[in-house]
Amino acid sequence: MKKFLTFLLVGVMLFTITGGVFAEGLNNSAKDFSEKSFKLGKAQFKIKERKNMRFEAMKEFKDEMHKINELRVERLSLRMQIIEKHDAILDLYIEARENGNIEELKEAREVRKQIGEINNEIKDLLEQIKIERKAFREDAKNNDFDSAREHINKIIELKINVNDKISKKIGLLDEIIDILS
């Protein structure tokens, strides 16, 4: 019974849809659309123009983009070192807890506070990079390459600072490893 009712409803829906399509025939707007040749509007030209502007910006800032990519690779390798050190610290922390080395754990906690401060500084620098990147894109979009160059150089400077902070963090993690060893 349910299947019959379902098929009946589907049949009625198909009948009403096809009846509605063929009831009036072609209306005026459909005739106009079918008789006119389809023209490309100005939107196509604007898209090409935008692509050309983007290409010009890429040509203009090619060296800076390569430098940013190098800094990104360096940052990722530093992050890998941090992960390895965190893994070693985890093992040492468990061992220190089991052995009851309270003094070593307190010293390590003090160093971790310094790491927290560095993390906050890195977070602020990354936020500044985000703002500068947005300003760079806006200036490059508006063909203001001089201002865009200032922004991209600021981005490079900030990324160098981030990598320096991460290196300091690695040094502090090494210090924690020495304390817990």
Protein backbone atom coordinates (compact mmCIF):
# COMPACT_ATOMS: atom_id res chain seq x y z
CA MET A 1 0.00 0.00 0.00
CA LYS A 2 2.82 2.41 0.88
CA LYS A 3 4.63 1.70 -2.38
CA PHE A 4 1.47 2.24 -4.38
CA LEU A 5 0.83 5.58 -2.64
CA THR A 6 4.43 6.69 -3.24
CA PHE A 7 4.27 5.83 -6.94
CA LEU A 8 0.93 7.59 -7.24
CA LEU A 9 2.31 10.78 -5.68
CA VAL A 10 5.40 10.72 -7.90
CA GLY A 11 3.21 10.23 -10.97
CA VAL A 12 0.96 13.15 -10.02
CA MET A 13 4.02 15.37 -9.46
CA LEU A 14 5.48 14.47 -12.85
CA PHE A 15 2.13 15.05 -14.54
CA THR A 16 1.74 18.53 -12.98
CA ILE A 17 5.31 19.54 -13.79
CA THR A 18 5.09 18.52 -17.44
CA GLY A 19 1.65 20.05 -17.74
CA GLY A 20 2.94 23.32 -16.34
CA VAL A 21 5.87 23.38 -18.73
CA PHE A 22 3.86 22.77 -21.89
CA ALA A 23 0.71 24.67 -20.90
CA GLU A 24 1.79 28.14 -22.02
CA GLY A 25 4.37 27.44 -24.66
CA LEU A 26 7.21 29.92 -25.08
CA ASN A 27 6.64 33.24 -23.40
CA ASN A 28 8.13 36.49 -24.64
CA SER A 29 11.24 36.43 -22.48
CA ALA A 30 12.04 32.89 -23.57
CA LYS A 31 11.58 33.87 -27.23
CA ASP A 32 13.84 36.88 -26.80
CA PHE A 33 16.49 34.74 -25.19
CA SER A 34 16.36 32.07 -27.89
CA GLU A 35 16.44 34.56 -30.79
CA LYS A 36 19.32 36.71 -29.53
CA SER A 37 22.91 35.68 -29.86
CA PHE A 38 24.68 35.34 -26.56
CA LYS A 39 27.13 38.20 -26.00
CA LEU A 40 30.04 38.26 -23.60
CA GLY A 41 29.69 41.12 -21.22
CA LYS A 42 32.25 43.35 -19.62
CA ALA A 43 32.59 40.91 -16.73
CA GLN A 44 34.85 38.67 -18.83
CA PHE A 45 37.16 41.61 -19.50
CA LYS A 46 37.25 42.53 -15.81
CA ILE A 47 38.24 38.99 -14.89
CA LYS A 48 41.11 39.05 -17.38
CA GLU A 49 42.14 42.48 -16.14
CA ARG A 50 42.16 41.22 -12.56
CA LYS A 51 44.26 38.21 -13.56
CA ASN A 52 46.73 40.50 -15.30
CA MET A 53 46.99 42.69 -12.20
CA ARG A 54 47.63 39.60 -10.09
CA PHE A 55 50.27 38.43 -12.55
CA GLU A 56 51.94 41.85 -12.45
CA ALA A 57 51.98 41.74 -8.65
CA MET A 58 53.48 38.25 -8.73
CA LYS A 59 56.22 39.43 -11.11
CA GLU A 60 56.88 42.51 -9.01
CA PHE A 61 57.25 40.66 -5.71
CA LYS A 62 58.78 37.38 -6.90
CA ASP A 63 61.95 37.66 -4.78
CA GLU A 64 60.01 38.63 -1.69
CA MET A 65 57.65 35.69 -2.14
CA HIS A 66 60.63 33.33 -2.41
CA LYS A 67 62.06 34.79 0.81
CA ILE A 68 58.71 34.34 2.58
CA ASN A 69 58.56 30.71 1.42
CA GLU A 70 62.11 30.11 2.71
CA LEU A 71 61.12 31.55 6.07
CA ARG A 72 58.03 29.35 6.12
CA VAL A 73 60.16 26.24 5.47
CA GLU A 74 62.54 27.30 8.24
CA ARG A 75 59.62 27.80 10.62
CA LEU A 76 58.23 24.37 9.83
CA SER A 77 61.59 22.72 10.47
CA LEU A 78 61.79 24.56 13.80
CA ARG A 79 58.30 23.33 14.63
CA MET A 80 59.43 19.77 13.93
CA GLN A 81 62.30 20.23 16.37
CA ILE A 82 59.86 21.52 18.98
CA ILE A 83 57.65 18.46 18.54
CA GLU A 84 60.63 16.14 18.99
CA LYS A 85 61.70 18.00 22.13
CA HIS A 86 58.16 17.90 23.54
CA ASP A 87 58.19 14.15 23.03
CA ALA A 88 61.48 13.83 24.93
CA ILE A 89 60.21 16.14 27.69
CA LEU A 90 57.09 14.01 28.10
CA ASP A 91 59.18 10.91 28.77
CA LEU A 92 61.47 12.81 31.16
CA TYR A 93 58.50 14.37 32.96
CA ILE A 94 56.90 10.96 33.55
CA GLU A 95 60.21 9.60 34.81
CA ALA A 96 60.71 12.58 37.15
CA ARG A 97 57.17 12.19 38.55
CA GLU A 98 57.70 8.50 39.20
CA ASN A 99 61.03 9.17 40.92
CA GLY A 100 59.57 12.03 42.98
CA ASN A 101 62.03 14.70 41.79
CA ILE A 102 59.98 17.68 42.98
CA GLU A 103 62.82 20.22 42.71
CA GLU A 104 63.51 19.37 39.08
CA LEU A 105 59.81 19.66 38.27
CA LYS A 106 59.64 23.10 39.92
CA GLU A 107 62.67 24.31 37.95
CA ALA A 108 61.12 23.00 34.74
CA ARG A 109 57.86 24.77 35.58
CA GLU A 110 59.70 28.10 35.89
CA VAL A 111 61.27 27.63 32.47
CA ARG A 112 57.85 26.71 31.03
CA LYS A 113 56.54 30.08 32.23
CA GLN A 114 59.19 31.74 30.07
CA ILE A 115 58.04 29.59 27.15
CA GLY A 116 54.49 30.82 27.77
CA GLU A 117 55.69 34.42 27.46
CA ILE A 118 57.49 33.60 24.22
CA ASN A 119 54.33 31.90 22.90
CA ASN A 120 52.35 35.09 23.61
CA GLU A 121 54.97 37.15 21.76
CA ILE A 122 54.81 34.75 18.80
CA LYS A 123 51.02 34.99 18.81
CA ASP A 124 51.22 38.81 18.67
CA LEU A 125 53.74 38.67 15.83
CA LEU A 126 51.54 36.28 13.85
CA GLU A 127 48.59 38.64 14.31
CA GLN A 128 50.71 41.52 12.99
CA ILE A 129 51.71 39.37 10.00
CA LYS A 130 48.04 38.71 9.30
CA ILE A 131 47.28 42.46 9.34
CA GLU A 132 50.28 43.29 7.13
CA ARG A 133 49.38 40.54 4.67
CA LYS A 134 45.85 41.90 4.36
CA ALA A 135 47.20 45.42 3.76
CA PHE A 136 49.68 44.06 1.20
CA ARG A 137 46.95 42.28 -0.74
CA GLU A 138 44.79 45.39 -0.75
CA ASP A 139 47.65 47.58 -2.01
CA ALA A 140 48.67 45.04 -4.66
CA LYS A 141 45.04 44.83 -5.77
CA ASN A 142 44.96 48.62 -6.15
CA ASN A 143 48.30 48.66 -8.08
CA ASP A 144 50.01 50.61 -5.28
CA PHE A 145 53.25 48.63 -5.51
CA ASP A 146 55.36 51.02 -3.42
CA SER A 147 53.11 50.71 -0.40
CA ALA A 148 52.71 46.98 -1.04
CA ARG A 149 56.51 46.60 -1.04
CA GLU A 150 56.65 48.25 2.40
CA HIS A 151 54.05 45.79 3.69
CA ILE A 152 55.76 42.73 2.25
CA ASN A 153 59.13 43.81 3.68
CA LYS A 154 57.43 44.24 7.05
CA ILE A 155 55.99 40.71 6.69
CA ILE A 156 59.48 39.34 6.01
CA GLU A 157 60.86 41.18 9.04
CA LEU A 158 58.07 39.85 11.26
CA LYS A 159 58.56 36.28 10.00
CA ILE A 160 62.27 36.53 10.82
CA ASN A 161 61.32 37.67 14.33
CA VAL A 162 58.92 34.73 14.68
CA ASN A 163 61.66 32.29 13.69
CA ASP A 164 64.02 33.92 16.22
CA LYS A 165 61.40 33.54 18.96
CA ILE A 166 60.88 29.90 18.02
CA SER A 167 64.65 29.36 18.21
CA LYS A 168 64.63 30.86 21.72
CA LYS A 169 61.79 28.51 22.59
CA ILE A 170 63.87 25.56 21.39
CA GLY A 171 66.71 26.73 23.63
CA LEU A 172 64.35 26.82 26.62
CA LEU A 173 63.07 23.34 25.76
CA ASP A 174 66.68 22.13 25.72
CA GLU A 175 67.10 23.72 29.14
CA ILE A 176 64.05 21.80 30.42
CA ILE A 177 65.50 18.58 29.01
CA ASP A 178 68.78 19.27 30.84
CA ILE A 179 66.93 19.98 34.09
CA LEU A 180 64.83 16.82 33.92
CA SER A 181 67.72 14.57 32.78
